[in-house]
Structure formats: C-alpha cells, structure tokens
Amino acid sequence: SGLYALQRFSRAISTTLEENQIFSGIETNFLEDLGFEKALIYLLE
C-alpha cells in the first residue's frame, strides 16, 4: 500500500517543476495509505 502511495506521489510531483506544487502533492489520503495522519516539512532558509 505504501509503495502504491509512493508511486502516486512520484507521478504527482513529476508533473510539476514548481516548488510549492511539490509540497501540495502530499495529501491526507496519501499519508493514511502510509499509516500516518500528521506531516510537516521544514526547510532551512
């Protein structure tokens, strides 16, 4: 299930070259397929 979710995510982010749209590709249902319901991404500026 996780690998299928990763495959869907890979397809989603491979269709964009904009940084903001890459992060928006991580959705709640995608996390649930991995067994999680919370997620955060931080970048060091």
All heavy atoms as atom14 arrays in JSON, in Angstrom:
{
  "sequence": "SGLYALQRFSRAISTTLEENQIFSGIETNFLEDLGFEKALIYLLE",
  "atom14_mask": [
    [1, 1, 1, 1, 1, 1, 0, 0, 0, 0, 0, 0, 0, 0],
    [1, 1, 1, 1, 0, 0, 0, 0, 0, 0, 0, 0, 0, 0],
    [1, 1, 1, 1, 1, 1, 1, 1, 0, 0, 0, 0, 0, 0],
    [1, 1, 1, 1, 1, 1, 1, 1, 1, 1, 1, 1, 0, 0],
    [1, 1, 1, 1, 1, 0, 0, 0, 0, 0, 0, 0, 0, 0],
    [1, 1, 1, 1, 1, 1, 1, 1, 0, 0, 0, 0, 0, 0],
    [1, 1, 1, 1, 1, 1, 1, 1, 1, 0, 0, 0, 0, 0],
    [1, 1, 1, 1, 1, 1, 1, 1, 1, 1, 1, 0, 0, 0],
    [1, 1, 1, 1, 1, 1, 1, 1, 1, 1, 1, 0, 0, 0],
    [1, 1, 1, 1, 1, 1, 0, 0, 0, 0, 0, 0, 0, 0],
    [1, 1, 1, 1, 1, 1, 1, 1, 1, 1, 1, 0, 0, 0],
    [1, 1, 1, 1, 1, 0, 0, 0, 0, 0, 0, 0, 0, 0],
    [1, 1, 1, 1, 1, 1, 1, 1, 0, 0, 0, 0, 0, 0],
    [1, 1, 1, 1, 1, 1, 0, 0, 0, 0, 0, 0, 0, 0],
    [1, 1, 1, 1, 1, 1, 1, 0, 0, 0, 0, 0, 0, 0],
    [1, 1, 1, 1, 1, 1, 1, 0, 0, 0, 0, 0, 0, 0],
    [1, 1, 1, 1, 1, 1, 1, 1, 0, 0, 0, 0, 0, 0],
    [1, 1, 1, 1, 1, 1, 1, 1, 1, 0, 0, 0, 0, 0],
    [1, 1, 1, 1, 1, 1, 1, 1, 1, 0, 0, 0, 0, 0],
    [1, 1, 1, 1, 1, 1, 1, 1, 0, 0, 0, 0, 0, 0],
    [1, 1, 1, 1, 1, 1, 1, 1, 1, 0, 0, 0, 0, 0],
    [1, 1, 1, 1, 1, 1, 1, 1, 0, 0, 0, 0, 0, 0],
    [1, 1, 1, 1, 1, 1, 1, 1, 1, 1, 1, 0, 0, 0],
    [1, 1, 1, 1, 1, 1, 0, 0, 0, 0, 0, 0, 0, 0],
    [1, 1, 1, 1, 0, 0, 0, 0, 0, 0, 0, 0, 0, 0],
    [1, 1, 1, 1, 1, 1, 1, 1, 0, 0, 0, 0, 0, 0],
    [1, 1, 1, 1, 1, 1, 1, 1, 1, 0, 0, 0, 0, 0],
    [1, 1, 1, 1, 1, 1, 1, 0, 0, 0, 0, 0, 0, 0],
    [1, 1, 1, 1, 1, 1, 1, 1, 0, 0, 0, 0, 0, 0],
    [1, 1, 1, 1, 1, 1, 1, 1, 1, 1, 1, 0, 0, 0],
    [1, 1, 1, 1, 1, 1, 1, 1, 0, 0, 0, 0, 0, 0],
    [1, 1, 1, 1, 1, 1, 1, 1, 1, 0, 0, 0, 0, 0],
    [1, 1, 1, 1, 1, 1, 1, 1, 0, 0, 0, 0, 0, 0],
    [1, 1, 1, 1, 1, 1, 1, 1, 0, 0, 0, 0, 0, 0],
    [1, 1, 1, 1, 0, 0, 0, 0, 0, 0, 0, 0, 0, 0],
    [1, 1, 1, 1, 1, 1, 1, 1, 1, 1, 1, 0, 0, 0],
    [1, 1, 1, 1, 1, 1, 1, 1, 1, 0, 0, 0, 0, 0],
    [1, 1, 1, 1, 1, 1, 1, 1, 1, 0, 0, 0, 0, 0],
    [1, 1, 1, 1, 1, 0, 0, 0, 0, 0, 0, 0, 0, 0],
    [1, 1, 1, 1, 1, 1, 1, 1, 0, 0, 0, 0, 0, 0],
    [1, 1, 1, 1, 1, 1, 1, 1, 0, 0, 0, 0, 0, 0],
    [1, 1, 1, 1, 1, 1, 1, 1, 1, 1, 1, 1, 0, 0],
    [1, 1, 1, 1, 1, 1, 1, 1, 0, 0, 0, 0, 0, 0],
    [1, 1, 1, 1, 1, 1, 1, 1, 0, 0, 0, 0, 0, 0],
    [1, 1, 1, 1, 1, 1, 1, 1, 1, 0, 0, 0, 0, 0]
  ],
  "atom14_positions": [
    [[0.83, -1.2, 0.0], [0.0, 0.0, 0.0], [0.87, 1.25, 0.0], [0.58, 2.22, -0.72], [-0.92, -0.02, 1.23], [-1.67, 1.17, 1.3], [0.0, 0.0, 0.0], [0.0, 0.0, 0.0], [0.0, 0.0, 0.0], [0.0, 0.0, 0.0], [0.0, 0.0, 0.0], [0.0, 0.0, 0.0], [0.0, 0.0, 0.0], [0.0, 0.0, 0.0]],
    [[1.94, 1.22, 0.81], [2.85, 2.37, 0.85], [3.56, 2.59, -0.47], [3.73, 3.73, -0.92], [0.0, 0.0, 0.0], [0.0, 0.0, 0.0], [0.0, 0.0, 0.0], [0.0, 0.0, 0.0], [0.0, 0.0, 0.0], [0.0, 0.0, 0.0], [0.0, 0.0, 0.0], [0.0, 0.0, 0.0], [0.0, 0.0, 0.0], [0.0, 0.0, 0.0]],
    [[3.97, 1.5, -1.12], [4.66, 1.63, -2.41], [3.73, 2.18, -3.48], [4.13, 3.0, -4.31], [5.22, 0.26, -2.84], [6.42, -0.25, -2.04], [6.76, -1.67, -2.43], [7.63, 0.66, -2.23], [0.0, 0.0, 0.0], [0.0, 0.0, 0.0], [0.0, 0.0, 0.0], [0.0, 0.0, 0.0], [0.0, 0.0, 0.0], [0.0, 0.0, 0.0]],
    [[2.45, 1.73, -3.45], [1.47, 2.3, -4.38], [1.29, 3.79, -4.12], [1.17, 4.6, -5.05], [0.14, 1.57, -4.26], [0.06, 0.29, -5.05], [-0.23, -0.93, -4.44], [0.27, 0.29, -6.43], [-0.29, -2.11, -5.17], [0.21, -0.88, -7.17], [-0.07, -2.08, -6.53], [-0.13, -3.23, -7.26], [0.0, 0.0, 0.0], [0.0, 0.0, 0.0]],
    [[1.25, 4.13, -2.83], [1.1, 5.55, -2.48], [2.3, 6.35, -2.95], [2.15, 7.46, -3.48], [0.92, 5.68, -0.97], [0.0, 0.0, 0.0], [0.0, 0.0, 0.0], [0.0, 0.0, 0.0], [0.0, 0.0, 0.0], [0.0, 0.0, 0.0], [0.0, 0.0, 0.0], [0.0, 0.0, 0.0], [0.0, 0.0, 0.0], [0.0, 0.0, 0.0]],
    [[3.5, 5.8, -2.78], [4.71, 6.47, -3.25], [4.7, 6.62, -4.77], [5.15, 7.64, -5.31], [5.96, 5.69, -2.82], [6.37, 5.82, -1.35], [7.53, 4.89, -1.06], [6.76, 7.26, -1.02], [0.0, 0.0, 0.0], [0.0, 0.0, 0.0], [0.0, 0.0, 0.0], [0.0, 0.0, 0.0], [0.0, 0.0, 0.0], [0.0, 0.0, 0.0]],
    [[4.18, 5.59, -5.45], [4.11, 5.67, -6.91], [3.19, 6.79, -7.34], [3.5, 7.56, -8.27], [3.62, 4.33, -7.46], [3.64, 4.27, -8.99], [3.12, 2.94, -9.51], [2.31, 2.31, -8.86], [3.58, 2.53, -10.66], [0.0, 0.0, 0.0], [0.0, 0.0, 0.0], [0.0, 0.0, 0.0], [0.0, 0.0, 0.0], [0.0, 0.0, 0.0]],
    [[2.03, 6.92, -6.67], [1.1, 8.01, -6.99], [1.75, 9.36, -6.71], [1.61, 10.31, -7.49], [-0.19, 7.87, -6.17], [-1.02, 6.66, -6.52], [-2.46, 6.83, -6.01], [-2.52, 7.14, -4.6], [-2.51, 6.24, -3.61], [-2.43, 4.93, -3.92], [-2.6, 6.61, -2.35], [0.0, 0.0, 0.0], [0.0, 0.0, 0.0], [0.0, 0.0, 0.0]],
    [[2.47, 9.42, -5.6], [3.13, 10.68, -5.25], [4.21, 11.04, -6.27], [4.35, 12.2, -6.67], [3.74, 10.56, -3.85], [4.53, 11.77, -3.44], [3.9, 12.96, -3.12], [5.91, 11.73, -3.37], [4.61, 14.07, -2.75], [6.64, 12.84, -3.0], [5.99, 14.01, -2.68], [0.0, 0.0, 0.0], [0.0, 0.0, 0.0], [0.0, 0.0, 0.0]],
    [[4.97, 10.03, -6.71], [6.03, 10.27, -7.71], [5.43, 10.82, -8.99], [5.97, 11.74, -9.6], [6.79, 8.97, -8.0], [7.46, 8.52, -6.85], [0.0, 0.0, 0.0], [0.0, 0.0, 0.0], [0.0, 0.0, 0.0], [0.0, 0.0, 0.0], [0.0, 0.0, 0.0], [0.0, 0.0, 0.0], [0.0, 0.0, 0.0], [0.0, 0.0, 0.0]],
    [[4.29, 10.24, -9.41], [3.65, 10.75, -10.63], [3.16, 12.18, -10.43], [3.24, 13.01, -11.34], [2.48, 9.85, -11.02], [2.88, 8.53, -11.64], [1.72, 7.92, -12.4], [0.59, 7.61, -11.51], [0.38, 6.44, -10.95], [1.22, 5.44, -11.17], [-0.67, 6.24, -10.19], [0.0, 0.0, 0.0], [0.0, 0.0, 0.0], [0.0, 0.0, 0.0]],
    [[2.66, 12.45, -9.22], [2.13, 13.79, -8.95], [3.22, 14.85, -9.0], [3.05, 15.92, -9.6], [1.44, 13.81, -7.59], [0.0, 0.0, 0.0], [0.0, 0.0, 0.0], [0.0, 0.0, 0.0], [0.0, 0.0, 0.0], [0.0, 0.0, 0.0], [0.0, 0.0, 0.0], [0.0, 0.0, 0.0], [0.0, 0.0, 0.0], [0.0, 0.0, 0.0]],
    [[4.39, 14.57, -8.38], [5.43, 15.59, -8.33], [6.26, 15.64, -9.61], [6.97, 16.61, -9.84], [6.37, 15.37, -7.11], [7.14, 14.04, -7.25], [5.6, 15.42, -5.82], [8.16, 13.83, -6.14], [0.0, 0.0, 0.0], [0.0, 0.0, 0.0], [0.0, 0.0, 0.0], [0.0, 0.0, 0.0], [0.0, 0.0, 0.0], [0.0, 0.0, 0.0]],
    [[6.19, 14.57, -10.42], [6.96, 14.57, -11.67], [6.32, 15.45, -12.73], [6.94, 15.74, -13.75], [7.13, 13.15, -12.2], [5.87, 12.59, -12.54], [0.0, 0.0, 0.0], [0.0, 0.0, 0.0], [0.0, 0.0, 0.0], [0.0, 0.0, 0.0], [0.0, 0.0, 0.0], [0.0, 0.0, 0.0], [0.0, 0.0, 0.0], [0.0, 0.0, 0.0]],
    [[5.05, 15.84, -12.5], [4.35, 16.65, -13.49], [4.52, 18.14, -13.25], [3.96, 18.95, -14.0], [2.84, 16.32, -13.49], [2.33, 16.56, -12.16], [2.6, 14.88, -13.88], [0.0, 0.0, 0.0], [0.0, 0.0, 0.0], [0.0, 0.0, 0.0], [0.0, 0.0, 0.0], [0.0, 0.0, 0.0], [0.0, 0.0, 0.0], [0.0, 0.0, 0.0]],
    [[5.27, 18.52, -12.21], [5.46, 19.94, -11.93], [6.92, 20.25, -11.65], [7.67, 19.38, -11.19], [4.61, 20.37, -10.7], [4.82, 21.76, -10.46], [5.02, 19.59, -9.47], [0.0, 0.0, 0.0], [0.0, 0.0, 0.0], [0.0, 0.0, 0.0], [0.0, 0.0, 0.0], [0.0, 0.0, 0.0], [0.0, 0.0, 0.0], [0.0, 0.0, 0.0]],
    [[7.29, 21.45, -11.97], [8.64, 21.93, -11.68], [8.58, 23.19, -10.82], [9.53, 23.97, -10.79], [9.4, 22.21, -12.99], [9.83, 20.97, -13.77], [10.35, 21.35, -15.15], [10.89, 20.19, -13.02], [0.0, 0.0, 0.0], [0.0, 0.0, 0.0], [0.0, 0.0, 0.0], [0.0, 0.0, 0.0], [0.0, 0.0, 0.0], [0.0, 0.0, 0.0]],
    [[7.44, 23.36, -10.09], [7.29, 24.47, -9.18], [7.37, 23.95, -7.75], [6.68, 22.99, -7.39], [5.96, 25.19, -9.41], [5.89, 25.88, -10.77], [4.63, 26.71, -10.92], [4.0, 27.0, -9.88], [4.28, 27.05, -12.06], [0.0, 0.0, 0.0], [0.0, 0.0, 0.0], [0.0, 0.0, 0.0], [0.0, 0.0, 0.0], [0.0, 0.0, 0.0]],
    [[8.18, 24.6, -6.93], [8.47, 24.1, -5.59], [7.22, 23.99, -4.73], [7.02, 22.98, -4.04], [9.49, 25.03, -4.92], [10.06, 24.48, -3.63], [11.27, 25.28, -3.17], [12.19, 25.5, -3.99], [11.28, 25.68, -2.0], [0.0, 0.0, 0.0], [0.0, 0.0, 0.0], [0.0, 0.0, 0.0], [0.0, 0.0, 0.0], [0.0, 0.0, 0.0]],
    [[6.33, 24.99, -4.75], [5.13, 24.97, -3.9], [4.19, 23.82, -4.27], [3.57, 23.21, -3.4], [4.4, 26.3, -4.0], [5.19, 27.43, -3.37], [5.98, 27.2, -2.45], [5.0, 28.64, -3.85], [0.0, 0.0, 0.0], [0.0, 0.0, 0.0], [0.0, 0.0, 0.0], [0.0, 0.0, 0.0], [0.0, 0.0, 0.0], [0.0, 0.0, 0.0]],
    [[4.09, 23.53, -5.56], [3.21, 22.45, -6.0], [3.75, 21.08, -5.61], [2.99, 20.12, -5.49], [3.01, 22.53, -7.52], [2.21, 23.74, -7.95], [1.94, 23.74, -9.44], [2.25, 22.79, -10.14], [1.36, 24.83, -9.94], [0.0, 0.0, 0.0], [0.0, 0.0, 0.0], [0.0, 0.0, 0.0], [0.0, 0.0, 0.0], [0.0, 0.0, 0.0]],
    [[5.06, 20.98, -5.44], [5.65, 19.71, -5.0], [5.14, 19.36, -3.6], [4.73, 18.23, -3.32], [7.19, 19.81, -4.99], [7.71, 19.91, -6.43], [7.81, 18.58, -4.3], [9.17, 20.21, -6.53], [0.0, 0.0, 0.0], [0.0, 0.0, 0.0], [0.0, 0.0, 0.0], [0.0, 0.0, 0.0], [0.0, 0.0, 0.0], [0.0, 0.0, 0.0]],
    [[5.12, 20.32, -2.69], [4.68, 20.07, -1.32], [3.18, 19.8, -1.27], [2.71, 19.0, -0.47], [5.03, 21.25, -0.42], [6.51, 21.49, -0.31], [7.05, 22.73, -0.63], [7.37, 20.48, 0.08], [8.41, 22.96, -0.54], [8.74, 20.7, 0.16], [9.26, 21.93, -0.15], [0.0, 0.0, 0.0], [0.0, 0.0, 0.0], [0.0, 0.0, 0.0]],
    [[2.43, 20.47, -2.14], [0.99, 20.26, -2.13], [0.61, 18.88, -2.64], [-0.52, 18.45, -2.5], [0.29, 21.33, -2.98], [0.7, 21.22, -4.35], [0.0, 0.0, 0.0], [0.0, 0.0, 0.0], [0.0, 0.0, 0.0], [0.0, 0.0, 0.0], [0.0, 0.0, 0.0], [0.0, 0.0, 0.0], [0.0, 0.0, 0.0], [0.0, 0.0, 0.0]],
    [[1.58, 18.14, -3.21], [1.32, 16.78, -3.68], [1.15, 15.79, -2.56], [0.65, 14.68, -2.77], [0.0, 0.0, 0.0], [0.0, 0.0, 0.0], [0.0, 0.0, 0.0], [0.0, 0.0, 0.0], [0.0, 0.0, 0.0], [0.0, 0.0, 0.0], [0.0, 0.0, 0.0], [0.0, 0.0, 0.0], [0.0, 0.0, 0.0], [0.0, 0.0, 0.0]],
    [[1.58, 16.15, -1.34], [1.4, 15.27, -0.18], [0.03, 15.56, 0.42], [-0.18, 16.58, 1.05], [2.5, 15.5, 0.87], [3.88, 15.27, 0.24], [2.32, 14.56, 2.05], [5.02, 15.52, 1.19], [0.0, 0.0, 0.0], [0.0, 0.0, 0.0], [0.0, 0.0, 0.0], [0.0, 0.0, 0.0], [0.0, 0.0, 0.0], [0.0, 0.0, 0.0]],
    [[-0.92, 14.66, 0.21], [-2.28, 14.84, 0.69], [-2.57, 13.92, 1.87], [-1.83, 12.97, 2.14], [-3.27, 14.57, -0.45], [-3.05, 15.51, -1.65], [-3.95, 15.15, -2.81], [-4.58, 14.08, -2.75], [-4.01, 15.94, -3.77], [0.0, 0.0, 0.0], [0.0, 0.0, 0.0], [0.0, 0.0, 0.0], [0.0, 0.0, 0.0], [0.0, 0.0, 0.0]],
    [[-3.7, 14.2, 2.56], [-4.05, 13.43, 3.75], [-4.28, 11.96, 3.43], [-3.8, 11.08, 4.15], [-5.32, 14.03, 4.39], [-5.1, 15.41, 4.67], [-5.67, 13.31, 5.68], [0.0, 0.0, 0.0], [0.0, 0.0, 0.0], [0.0, 0.0, 0.0], [0.0, 0.0, 0.0], [0.0, 0.0, 0.0], [0.0, 0.0, 0.0], [0.0, 0.0, 0.0]],
    [[-4.99, 11.68, 2.33], [-5.25, 10.28, 1.98], [-3.96, 9.55, 1.63], [-3.85, 8.34, 1.84], [-6.26, 10.17, 0.85], [-5.79, 10.9, -0.41], [-4.79, 11.61, -0.39], [-6.52, 10.74, -1.5], [0.0, 0.0, 0.0], [0.0, 0.0, 0.0], [0.0, 0.0, 0.0], [0.0, 0.0, 0.0], [0.0, 0.0, 0.0], [0.0, 0.0, 0.0]],
    [[-3.01, 10.28, 1.09], [-1.7, 9.68, 0.8], [-1.0, 9.27, 2.09], [-0.44, 8.19, 2.2], [-0.85, 10.66, 0.0], [0.6, 10.28, -0.1], [0.99, 9.22, -0.88], [1.56, 10.97, 0.6], [2.33, 8.86, -0.97], [2.89, 10.62, 0.52], [3.27, 9.55, -0.28], [0.0, 0.0, 0.0], [0.0, 0.0, 0.0], [0.0, 0.0, 0.0]],
    [[-1.05, 10.15, 3.11], [-0.46, 9.83, 4.41], [-1.15, 8.63, 5.05], [-0.5, 7.77, 5.65], [-0.54, 11.04, 5.33], [0.45, 12.17, 5.1], [0.17, 13.3, 6.07], [1.88, 11.7, 5.25], [0.0, 0.0, 0.0], [0.0, 0.0, 0.0], [0.0, 0.0, 0.0], [0.0, 0.0, 0.0], [0.0, 0.0, 0.0], [0.0, 0.0, 0.0]],
    [[-2.48, 8.59, 4.94], [-3.22, 7.48, 5.54], [-2.82, 6.15, 4.92], [-2.77, 5.13, 5.62], [-4.72, 7.73, 5.38], [-5.23, 8.89, 6.24], [-6.68, 9.21, 5.96], [-7.24, 8.64, 5.0], [-7.25, 10.05, 6.7], [0.0, 0.0, 0.0], [0.0, 0.0, 0.0], [0.0, 0.0, 0.0], [0.0, 0.0, 0.0], [0.0, 0.0, 0.0]],
    [[-2.54, 6.16, 3.63], [-2.08, 4.92, 2.98], [-0.74, 4.48, 3.55], [-0.42, 3.28, 3.52], [-1.97, 5.13, 1.47], [-3.32, 5.26, 0.81], [-4.31, 4.82, 1.42], [-3.39, 5.83, -0.3], [0.0, 0.0, 0.0], [0.0, 0.0, 0.0], [0.0, 0.0, 0.0], [0.0, 0.0, 0.0], [0.0, 0.0, 0.0], [0.0, 0.0, 0.0]],
    [[0.05, 5.43, 4.03], [1.32, 5.08, 4.66], [1.16, 4.77, 6.15], [2.12, 4.33, 6.79], [2.32, 6.24, 4.5], [2.79, 6.56, 3.08], [3.72, 7.76, 3.1], [3.49, 5.36, 2.45], [0.0, 0.0, 0.0], [0.0, 0.0, 0.0], [0.0, 0.0, 0.0], [0.0, 0.0, 0.0], [0.0, 0.0, 0.0], [0.0, 0.0, 0.0]],
    [[-0.02, 5.01, 6.7], [-0.26, 4.72, 8.1], [-0.05, 5.91, 9.01], [0.14, 5.74, 10.22], [0.0, 0.0, 0.0], [0.0, 0.0, 0.0], [0.0, 0.0, 0.0], [0.0, 0.0, 0.0], [0.0, 0.0, 0.0], [0.0, 0.0, 0.0], [0.0, 0.0, 0.0], [0.0, 0.0, 0.0], [0.0, 0.0, 0.0], [0.0, 0.0, 0.0]],
    [[-0.09, 7.13, 8.49], [0.11, 8.34, 9.28], [-1.02, 9.32, 9.0], [-1.67, 9.26, 7.95], [1.45, 9.0, 8.94], [2.64, 8.09, 9.11], [3.19, 7.43, 8.02], [3.19, 7.87, 10.37], [4.27, 6.59, 8.18], [4.27, 7.02, 10.53], [4.81, 6.38, 9.43], [0.0, 0.0, 0.0], [0.0, 0.0, 0.0], [0.0, 0.0, 0.0]],
    [[-1.24, 10.24, 9.93], [-2.23, 11.28, 9.69], [-1.69, 12.69, 9.94], [-2.4, 13.67, 9.78], [-3.48, 11.07, 10.55], [-3.26, 11.19, 12.04], [-2.88, 9.87, 12.71], [-2.71, 8.86, 11.99], [-2.75, 9.85, 13.94], [0.0, 0.0, 0.0], [0.0, 0.0, 0.0], [0.0, 0.0, 0.0], [0.0, 0.0, 0.0], [0.0, 0.0, 0.0]],
    [[-0.42, 12.78, 10.33], [0.21, 14.08, 10.55], [1.5, 14.17, 9.75], [2.21, 13.17, 9.6], [0.5, 14.28, 12.04], [-0.74, 14.39, 12.93], [-0.34, 14.55, 14.38], [-1.58, 14.65, 15.27], [-2.31, 15.9, 15.04], [0.0, 0.0, 0.0], [0.0, 0.0, 0.0], [0.0, 0.0, 0.0], [0.0, 0.0, 0.0], [0.0, 0.0, 0.0]],
    [[1.79, 15.37, 9.24], [3.02, 15.58, 8.46], [3.44, 17.03, 8.53], [2.6, 17.94, 8.58], [2.82, 15.15, 7.01], [0.0, 0.0, 0.0], [0.0, 0.0, 0.0], [0.0, 0.0, 0.0], [0.0, 0.0, 0.0], [0.0, 0.0, 0.0], [0.0, 0.0, 0.0], [0.0, 0.0, 0.0], [0.0, 0.0, 0.0], [0.0, 0.0, 0.0]],
    [[4.75, 17.25, 8.53], [5.35, 18.58, 8.49], [6.58, 18.55, 7.59], [7.3, 17.54, 7.55], [5.76, 19.05, 9.89], [4.66, 19.3, 10.92], [5.28, 19.47, 12.3], [3.83, 20.52, 10.54], [0.0, 0.0, 0.0], [0.0, 0.0, 0.0], [0.0, 0.0, 0.0], [0.0, 0.0, 0.0], [0.0, 0.0, 0.0], [0.0, 0.0, 0.0]],
    [[6.81, 19.65, 6.87], [8.06, 19.81, 6.11], [8.63, 21.18, 6.44], [7.93, 22.19, 6.35], [7.83, 19.69, 4.59], [7.48, 18.25, 4.21], [9.07, 20.14, 3.82], [7.22, 18.05, 2.72], [0.0, 0.0, 0.0], [0.0, 0.0, 0.0], [0.0, 0.0, 0.0], [0.0, 0.0, 0.0], [0.0, 0.0, 0.0], [0.0, 0.0, 0.0]],
    [[9.89, 21.18, 6.86], [10.6, 22.43, 7.15], [11.87, 22.47, 6.31], [12.55, 21.45, 6.15], [10.95, 22.52, 8.63], [9.81, 22.97, 9.5], [8.91, 22.06, 10.01], [9.63, 24.31, 9.81], [7.84, 22.45, 10.81], [8.57, 24.73, 10.61], [7.68, 23.8, 11.11], [6.64, 24.2, 11.89], [0.0, 0.0, 0.0], [0.0, 0.0, 0.0]],
    [[12.18, 23.66, 5.78], [13.42, 23.89, 5.05], [14.24, 24.95, 5.78], [13.68, 25.91, 6.32], [13.16, 24.34, 3.62], [12.43, 23.35, 2.71], [12.25, 23.95, 1.31], [13.15, 22.02, 2.63], [0.0, 0.0, 0.0], [0.0, 0.0, 0.0], [0.0, 0.0, 0.0], [0.0, 0.0, 0.0], [0.0, 0.0, 0.0], [0.0, 0.0, 0.0]],
    [[15.56, 24.75, 5.79], [16.45, 25.69, 6.46], [16.78, 26.83, 5.5], [17.43, 26.63, 4.47], [17.74, 24.98, 6.9], [18.74, 25.81, 7.72], [18.1, 26.27, 9.02], [20.0, 25.0, 7.99], [0.0, 0.0, 0.0], [0.0, 0.0, 0.0], [0.0, 0.0, 0.0], [0.0, 0.0, 0.0], [0.0, 0.0, 0.0], [0.0, 0.0, 0.0]],
    [[16.29, 28.03, 5.8], [16.49, 29.18, 4.93], [17.88, 29.79, 5.12], [18.64, 29.4, 6.01], [15.41, 30.24, 5.2], [13.98, 29.71, 5.08], [13.63, 29.27, 3.68], [14.26, 29.78, 2.73], [12.74, 28.42, 3.51], [0.0, 0.0, 0.0], [0.0, 0.0, 0.0], [0.0, 0.0, 0.0], [0.0, 0.0, 0.0], [0.0, 0.0, 0.0]]
  ]
}
